[in-house]
PDB file of N, CA and C in Angstrom:
ATOM      1  N   MET A   1     -16.204  17.282 -38.385  1.00  0.00           N
ATOM      2  CA  MET A   1     -16.931  18.248 -37.904  1.00  0.00           C
ATOM      3  C   MET A   1     -16.389  19.517 -38.476  1.00  0.00           C
ATOM      4  N   ARG A   2     -17.393  20.504 -38.969  1.00  0.00           N
ATOM      5  CA  ARG A   2     -16.997  21.595 -39.695  1.00  0.00           C
ATOM      6  C   ARG A   2     -17.477  22.982 -38.689  1.00  0.00           C
ATOM      7  N   CYS A   3     -16.589  23.906 -38.560  1.00  0.00           N
ATOM      8  CA  CYS A   3     -16.648  25.186 -38.066  1.00  0.00           C
ATOM      9  C   CYS A   3     -17.884  25.869 -38.581  1.00  0.00           C
ATOM     10  N   PHE A   4     -18.864  26.213 -37.577  1.00  0.00           N
ATOM     11  CA  PHE A   4     -19.841  26.956 -38.012  1.00  0.00           C
ATOM     12  C   PHE A   4     -19.771  28.512 -38.473  1.00  0.00           C
ATOM     13  N   LYS A   5     -18.401  28.927 -38.105  1.00  0.00           N
ATOM     14  CA  LYS A   5     -18.219  30.240 -38.323  1.00  0.00           C
ATOM     15  C   LYS A   5     -17.407  30.332 -39.506  1.00  0.00           C
ATOM     16  N   CYS A   6     -16.552  29.676 -39.856  1.00  0.00           N
ATOM     17  CA  CYS A   6     -15.622  29.650 -41.168  1.00  0.00           C
ATOM     18  C   CYS A   6     -15.744  28.356 -42.141  1.00  0.00           C
ATOM     19  N   LEU A   7     -16.440  27.268 -41.261  1.00  0.00           N
ATOM     20  CA  LEU A   7     -16.683  26.237 -42.128  1.00  0.00           C
ATOM     21  C   LEU A   7     -15.499  25.354 -42.170  1.00  0.00           C
ATOM     22  N   SER A   8     -14.147  25.443 -41.386  1.00  0.00           N
ATOM     23  CA  SER A   8     -12.777  24.756 -41.637  1.00  0.00           C
ATOM     24  C   SER A   8     -13.050  23.683 -40.847  1.00  0.00           C
ATOM     25  N   ASP A   9     -12.277  22.734 -40.733  1.00  0.00           N
ATOM     26  CA  ASP A   9     -12.163  21.500 -40.002  1.00  0.00           C
ATOM     27  C   ASP A   9     -12.107  21.748 -38.641  1.00  0.00           C
ATOM     28  N   MET A  10     -12.821  21.031 -37.760  1.00  0.00           N
ATOM     29  CA  MET A  10     -12.742  20.974 -36.184  1.00  0.00           C
ATOM     30  C   MET A  10     -12.178  19.857 -35.555  1.00  0.00           C
ATOM     31  N   TYR A  11     -11.189  19.706 -34.825  1.00  0.00           N
ATOM     32  CA  TYR A  11     -10.527  18.941 -34.177  1.00  0.00           C
ATOM     33  C   TYR A  11     -11.083  18.559 -32.495  1.00  0.00           C
ATOM     34  N   GLU A  12     -10.721  17.840 -32.454  1.00  0.00           N
ATOM     35  CA  GLU A  12     -11.033  17.409 -30.301  1.00  0.00           C
ATOM     36  C   GLU A  12      -9.850  18.061 -29.637  1.00  0.00           C
ATOM     37  N   SER A  13     -10.250  18.658 -28.590  1.00  0.00           N
ATOM     38  CA  SER A  13      -9.252  19.489 -28.197  1.00  0.00           C
ATOM     39  C   SER A  13      -9.764  19.684 -26.417  1.00  0.00           C
ATOM     40  N   PHE A  14      -9.404  20.523 -25.897  1.00  0.00           N
ATOM     41  CA  PHE A  14      -9.598  21.058 -24.361  1.00  0.00           C
ATOM     42  C   PHE A  14      -9.628  22.696 -24.520  1.00  0.00           C
ATOM     43  N   THR A  15     -10.233  23.098 -23.595  1.00  0.00           N
ATOM     44  CA  THR A  15     -10.425  24.504 -23.478  1.00  0.00           C
ATOM     45  C   THR A  15     -10.403  24.987 -22.028  1.00  0.00           C
ATOM     46  N   THR A  16     -10.348  26.394 -21.866  1.00  0.00           N
ATOM     47  CA  THR A  16     -10.763  26.661 -20.328  1.00  0.00           C
ATOM     48  C   THR A  16     -12.029  27.828 -20.788  1.00  0.00           C
ATOM     49  N   ASP A  17     -13.186  27.301 -19.977  1.00  0.00           N
ATOM     50  CA  ASP A  17     -14.289  27.924 -19.797  1.00  0.00           C
ATOM     51  C   ASP A  17     -14.487  28.938 -18.728  1.00  0.00           C
ATOM     52  N   VAL A  18     -14.685  30.381 -19.238  1.00  0.00           N
ATOM     53  CA  VAL A  18     -14.752  31.588 -18.014  1.00  0.00           C
ATOM     54  C   VAL A  18     -16.391  31.846 -18.120  1.00  0.00           C
ATOM     55  N   THR A  19     -17.008  32.040 -16.956  1.00  0.00           N
ATOM     56  CA  THR A  19     -18.267  32.210 -16.865  1.00  0.00           C
ATOM     57  C   THR A  19     -18.180  33.656 -15.607  1.00  0.00           C
ATOM     58  N   ASP A  20     -18.679  34.963 -16.120  1.00  0.00           N
ATOM     59  CA  ASP A  20     -18.905  35.788 -15.346  1.00  0.00           C
ATOM     60  C   ASP A  20     -20.081  35.970 -14.555  1.00  0.00           C
ATOM     61  N   LEU A  21     -20.355  35.453 -13.383  1.00  0.00           N
ATOM     62  CA  LEU A  21     -21.985  35.715 -12.642  1.00  0.00           C
ATOM     63  C   LEU A  21     -22.106  36.928 -12.294  1.00  0.00           C
ATOM     64  N   GLY A  22     -21.383  38.073 -12.364  1.00  0.00           N
ATOM     65  CA  GLY A  22     -21.527  39.353 -11.663  1.00  0.00           C
ATOM     66  C   GLY A  22     -20.687  39.298 -10.319  1.00  0.00           C
ATOM     67  N   ASN A  23     -21.115  38.832  -9.578  1.00  0.00           N
ATOM     68  CA  ASN A  23     -20.482  38.646  -8.221  1.00  0.00           C
ATOM     69  C   ASN A  23     -19.243  37.704  -8.218  1.00  0.00           C
ATOM     70  N   CYS A  24     -19.147  36.710  -8.917  1.00  0.00           N
ATOM     71  CA  CYS A  24     -18.123  36.166  -8.728  1.00  0.00           C
ATOM     72  C   CYS A  24     -17.603  35.466 -10.486  1.00  0.00           C
ATOM     73  N   LEU A  25     -16.238  34.982 -10.290  1.00  0.00           N
ATOM     74  CA  LEU A  25     -15.791  34.506 -11.722  1.00  0.00           C
ATOM     75  C   LEU A  25     -15.602  32.880 -11.629  1.00  0.00           C
ATOM     76  N   VAL A  26     -16.368  32.347 -12.476  1.00  0.00           N
ATOM     77  CA  VAL A  26     -15.979  30.858 -12.255  1.00  0.00           C
ATOM     78  C   VAL A  26     -15.149  30.272 -13.671  1.00  0.00           C
ATOM     79  N   ILE A  27     -14.109  30.072 -13.398  1.00  0.00           N
ATOM     80  CA  ILE A  27     -13.095  29.542 -14.241  1.00  0.00           C
ATOM     81  C   ILE A  27     -13.091  27.810 -14.389  1.00  0.00           C
ATOM     82  N   ILE A  28     -13.107  27.250 -15.475  1.00  0.00           N
ATOM     83  CA  ILE A  28     -13.258  25.793 -15.526  1.00  0.00           C
ATOM     84  C   ILE A  28     -12.323  25.615 -16.770  1.00  0.00           C
ATOM     85  N   ARG A  29     -11.068  24.650 -16.032  1.00  0.00           N
ATOM     86  CA  ARG A  29     -10.117  24.198 -17.082  1.00  0.00           C
ATOM     87  C   ARG A  29     -10.307  22.878 -17.486  1.00  0.00           C
ATOM     88  N   ASN A  30      -9.702  22.386 -18.674  1.00  0.00           N
ATOM     89  CA  ASN A  30      -9.903  20.840 -19.325  1.00  0.00           C
ATOM     90  C   ASN A  30     -11.094  20.725 -19.649  1.00  0.00           C
ATOM     91  N   VAL A  31     -11.663  21.755 -20.077  1.00  0.00           N
ATOM     92  CA  VAL A  31     -13.051  21.342 -20.802  1.00  0.00           C
ATOM     93  C   VAL A  31     -12.789  20.637 -21.941  1.00  0.00           C
ATOM     94  N   PRO A  32     -13.448  19.505 -22.361  1.00  0.00           N
ATOM     95  CA  PRO A  32     -13.497  18.989 -23.678  1.00  0.00           C
ATOM     96  C   PRO A  32     -14.104  19.715 -24.884  1.00  0.00           C
ATOM     97  N   CYS A  33     -13.747  19.851 -25.709  1.00  0.00           N
ATOM     98  CA  CYS A  33     -14.603  20.581 -26.858  1.00  0.00           C
ATOM     99  C   CYS A  33     -14.062  20.277 -28.323  1.00  0.00           C
ATOM    100  N   PHE A  34     -14.729  21.069 -29.215  1.00  0.00           N
ATOM    101  CA  PHE A  34     -13.940  21.026 -30.710  1.00  0.00           C
ATOM    102  C   PHE A  34     -13.634  22.027 -30.851  1.00  0.00           C
ATOM    103  N   LYS A  35     -12.294  22.287 -31.545  1.00  0.00           N
ATOM    104  CA  LYS A  35     -11.777  23.549 -31.618  1.00  0.00           C
ATOM    105  C   LYS A  35     -11.529  23.466 -33.353  1.00  0.00           C
ATOM    106  N   CYS A  36     -11.878  25.043 -33.891  1.00  0.00           N
ATOM    107  CA  CYS A  36     -11.336  25.237 -35.358  1.00  0.00           C
ATOM    108  C   CYS A  36     -10.006  25.145 -35.600  1.00  0.00           C
ATOM    109  N   SER A  37      -9.587  24.585 -36.391  1.00  0.00           N
ATOM    110  CA  SER A  37      -7.986  24.289 -37.140  1.00  0.00           C
ATOM    111  C   SER A  37      -7.590  26.139 -37.733  1.00  0.00           C
ATOM    112  N   GLU A  38      -8.827  26.751 -37.786  1.00  0.00           N
ATOM    113  CA  GLU A  38      -8.491  28.223 -38.563  1.00  0.00           C
ATOM    114  C   GLU A  38      -8.661  29.173 -37.592  1.00  0.00           C
ATOM    115  N   CYS A  39      -9.906  29.399 -37.087  1.00  0.00           N
ATOM    116  CA  CYS A  39     -10.258  30.594 -36.738  1.00  0.00           C
ATOM    117  C   CYS A  39     -10.290  30.388 -34.854  1.00  0.00           C
ATOM    118  N   ASP A  40      -9.889  29.108 -34.413  1.00  0.00           N
ATOM    119  CA  ASP A  40     -10.162  28.934 -33.125  1.00  0.00           C
ATOM    120  C   ASP A  40     -11.420  28.788 -32.322  1.00  0.00           C
ATOM    121  N   GLU A  41     -12.622  28.969 -33.043  1.00  0.00           N
ATOM    122  CA  GLU A  41     -13.710  28.841 -32.701  1.00  0.00           C
ATOM    123  C   GLU A  41     -13.933  27.397 -31.791  1.00  0.00           C
ATOM    124  N   VAL A  42     -15.022  27.716 -30.356  1.00  0.00           N
ATOM    125  CA  VAL A  42     -15.005  26.560 -29.703  1.00  0.00           C
ATOM    126  C   VAL A  42     -16.154  26.096 -29.790  1.00  0.00           C
ATOM    127  N   PHE A  43     -16.515  24.869 -29.759  1.00  0.00           N
ATOM    128  CA  PHE A  43     -17.711  24.019 -29.783  1.00  0.00           C
ATOM    129  C   PHE A  43     -17.929  23.051 -28.775  1.00  0.00           C
ATOM    130  N   TYR A  44     -18.927  23.092 -27.743  1.00  0.00           N
ATOM    131  CA  TYR A  44     -19.570  22.019 -26.923  1.00  0.00           C
ATOM    132  C   TYR A  44     -20.207  21.259 -27.171  1.00  0.00           C
ATOM    133  N   THR A  45     -20.237  20.096 -26.823  1.00  0.00           N
ATOM    134  CA  THR A  45     -21.120  18.921 -27.205  1.00  0.00           C
ATOM    135  C   THR A  45     -22.280  19.363 -26.196  1.00  0.00           C
ATOM    136  N   GLY A  46     -23.481  19.065 -26.332  1.00  0.00           N
ATOM    137  CA  GLY A  46     -24.830  19.080 -25.326  1.00  0.00           C
ATOM    138  C   GLY A  46     -24.500  18.438 -23.960  1.00  0.00           C
ATOM    139  N   ALA A  47     -23.782  17.125 -23.858  1.00  0.00           N
ATOM    140  CA  ALA A  47     -23.189  16.543 -22.848  1.00  0.00           C
ATOM    141  C   ALA A  47     -22.358  17.473 -22.043  1.00  0.00           C
ATOM    142  N   VAL A  48     -21.443  18.089 -22.707  1.00  0.00           N
ATOM    143  CA  VAL A  48     -20.719  18.920 -21.735  1.00  0.00           C
ATOM    144  C   VAL A  48     -20.955  20.205 -21.493  1.00  0.00           C
ATOM    145  N   VAL A  49     -22.087  21.095 -22.050  1.00  0.00           N
ATOM    146  CA  VAL A  49     -22.839  22.293 -21.896  1.00  0.00           C
ATOM    147  C   VAL A  49     -23.638  21.709 -20.542  1.00  0.00           C
ATOM    148  N   LYS A  50     -24.375  20.426 -20.332  1.00  0.00           N
ATOM    149  CA  LYS A  50     -24.924  20.113 -19.280  1.00  0.00           C
ATOM    150  C   LYS A  50     -24.207  20.244 -18.000  1.00  0.00           C
ATOM    151  N   GLN A  51     -22.817  19.372 -18.176  1.00  0.00           N
ATOM    152  CA  GLN A  51     -21.867  19.228 -17.258  1.00  0.00           C
ATOM    153  C   GLN A  51     -21.717  20.666 -16.570  1.00  0.00           C
ATOM    154  N   LEU A  52     -20.921  21.629 -17.597  1.00  0.00           N
ATOM    155  CA  LEU A  52     -20.815  23.001 -17.325  1.00  0.00           C
ATOM    156  C   LEU A  52     -21.885  23.733 -16.521  1.00  0.00           C
ATOM    157  N   GLU A  53     -23.259  23.540 -16.969  1.00  0.00           N
ATOM    158  CA  GLU A  53     -24.283  24.274 -16.213  1.00  0.00           C
ATOM    159  C   GLU A  53     -24.422  23.795 -15.069  1.00  0.00           C
ATOM    160  N   LYS A  54     -24.047  22.224 -14.503  1.00  0.00           N
ATOM    161  CA  LYS A  54     -23.999  21.816 -13.307  1.00  0.00           C
ATOM    162  C   LYS A  54     -23.129  22.508 -12.292  1.00  0.00           C
ATOM    163  N   ILE A  55     -21.552  22.419 -13.042  1.00  0.00           N
ATOM    164  CA  ILE A  55     -20.633  23.083 -12.074  1.00  0.00           C
ATOM    165  C   ILE A  55     -20.919  24.326 -11.794  1.00  0.00           C
ATOM    166  N   ILE A  56     -21.390  25.102 -12.679  1.00  0.00           N
ATOM    167  CA  ILE A  56     -21.280  26.566 -12.418  1.00  0.00           C
ATOM    168  C   ILE A  56     -22.693  26.671 -11.433  1.00  0.00           C
ATOM    169  N   GLU A  57     -23.574  26.200 -11.565  1.00  0.00           N
ATOM    170  CA  GLU A  57     -24.524  26.234 -10.616  1.00  0.00           C
ATOM    171  C   GLU A  57     -24.042  25.958  -9.114  1.00  0.00           C
ATOM    172  N   THR A  58     -23.117  24.952  -9.042  1.00  0.00           N
ATOM    173  CA  THR A  58     -22.571  24.533  -7.779  1.00  0.00           C
ATOM    174  C   THR A  58     -21.775  25.561  -7.515  1.00  0.00           C
ATOM    175  N   ALA A  59     -20.826  26.090  -7.962  1.00  0.00           N
ATOM    176  CA  ALA A  59     -19.862  27.358  -7.880  1.00  0.00           C
ATOM    177  C   ALA A  59     -20.690  28.325  -7.380  1.00  0.00           C
ATOM    178  N   LYS A  60     -21.819  28.780  -7.968  1.00  0.00           N
ATOM    179  CA  LYS A  60     -22.774  29.840  -7.803  1.00  0.00           C
ATOM    180  C   LYS A  60     -23.361  30.289  -6.379  1.00  0.00           C
ATOM    181  N   SER A  61     -23.531  28.818  -5.868  1.00  0.00           N
ATOM    182  CA  SER A  61     -23.657  28.900  -4.338  1.00  0.00           C
ATOM    183  C   SER A  61     -22.649  28.852  -3.198  1.00  0.00           C
ATOM    184  N   SER A  62     -21.449  28.761  -3.736  1.00  0.00           N
ATOM    185  CA  SER A  62     -20.329  28.625  -2.778  1.00  0.00           C
ATOM    186  C   SER A  62     -19.240  29.353  -3.064  1.00  0.00           C
ATOM    187  N   VAL A  63     -19.378  30.281  -4.058  1.00  0.00           N
ATOM    188  CA  VAL A  63     -18.172  31.233  -4.303  1.00  0.00           C
ATOM    189  C   VAL A  63     -18.206  32.484  -4.206  1.00  0.00           C
ATOM    190  N   ASN A  64     -17.538  33.243  -3.585  1.00  0.00           N
ATOM    191  CA  ASN A  64     -17.565  34.762  -3.418  1.00  0.00           C
ATOM    192  C   ASN A  64     -16.970  35.339  -4.549  1.00  0.00           C
ATOM    193  N   ASP A  65     -15.817  35.108  -4.725  1.00  0.00           N
ATOM    194  CA  ASP A  65     -15.137  36.165  -5.855  1.00  0.00           C
ATOM    195  C   ASP A  65     -14.543  35.344  -7.144  1.00  0.00           C
ATOM    196  N   ILE A  66     -13.618  34.260  -6.827  1.00  0.00           N
ATOM    197  CA  ILE A  66     -13.203  33.767  -8.009  1.00  0.00           C
ATOM    198  C   ILE A  66     -12.879  31.968  -7.730  1.00  0.00           C
ATOM    199  N   ALA A  67     -13.512  31.246  -8.422  1.00  0.00           N
ATOM    200  CA  ALA A  67     -13.161  29.825  -8.632  1.00  0.00           C
ATOM    201  C   ALA A  67     -12.608  29.228  -9.718  1.00  0.00           C
ATOM    202  N   ILE A  68     -11.494  28.558  -9.515  1.00  0.00           N
ATOM    203  CA  ILE A  68     -10.981  27.805 -10.769  1.00  0.00           C
ATOM    204  C   ILE A  68     -11.419  26.151 -10.642  1.00  0.00           C
ATOM    205  N   ILE A  69     -11.929  25.704 -11.319  1.00  0.00           N
ATOM    206  CA  ILE A  69     -12.054  24.153 -11.053  1.00  0.00           C
ATOM    207  C   ILE A  69     -11.915  23.411 -12.487  1.00  0.00           C
ATOM    208  N   ASP A  70     -11.397  22.054 -12.164  1.00  0.00           N
ATOM    209  CA  ASP A  70     -10.821  21.169 -13.221  1.00  0.00           C
ATOM    210  C   ASP A  70     -12.147  20.223 -13.639  1.00  0.00           C
ATOM    211  N   TYR A  71     -12.327  20.505 -14.676  1.00  0.00           N
ATOM    212  CA  TYR A  71     -13.631  19.629 -15.327  1.00  0.00           C
ATOM    213  C   TYR A  71     -13.501  18.092 -15.157  1.00  0.00           C
ATOM    214  N   ASN A  72     -12.314  17.674 -15.410  1.00  0.00           N
ATOM    215  CA  ASN A  72     -12.176  16.368 -15.108  1.00  0.00           C
ATOM    216  C   ASN A  72     -12.106  15.839 -13.741  1.00  0.00           C
ATOM    217  N   LYS A  73     -12.268  16.482 -12.839  1.00  0.00           N
ATOM    218  CA  LYS A  73     -12.472  16.274 -11.350  1.00  0.00           C
ATOM    219  C   LYS A  73     -13.625  16.051 -11.013  1.00  0.00           C
ATOM    220  N   GLN A  74     -14.749  17.069 -11.663  1.00  0.00           N
ATOM    221  CA  GLN A  74     -16.002  17.250 -11.609  1.00  0.00           C
ATOM    222  C   GLN A  74     -17.055  15.982 -12.294  1.00  0.00           C
ATOM    223  N   VAL A  75     -16.338  15.386 -13.498  1.00  0.00           N
ATOM    224  CA  VAL A  75     -16.973  14.514 -13.900  1.00  0.00           C
ATOM    225  C   VAL A  75     -16.712  13.097 -13.700  1.00  0.00           C
ATOM    226  N   ALA A  76     -17.565  12.350 -12.778  1.00  0.00           N
ATOM    227  CA  ALA A  76     -17.271  11.048 -12.450  1.00  0.00           C
ATOM    228  C   ALA A  76     -17.627   9.915 -13.440  1.00  0.00           C
TER     229      ALA A  76
END
């Protein structure tokens, strides 16, 4: 896979996704991704994006300030 930003090679890795919902911050650790070997651009597959959306939607209704969630513990 090639980076959409700089066209360098991407490799499988893990990252931390941070979403600011205004009234709370959702931090999701250990998110599988493809990362650029040159510019560190991060790319998520469609399946990962769907799972992130589910996790964020769940956190939105139960979090007041900050939530730190491990991706691997949410995917069964």
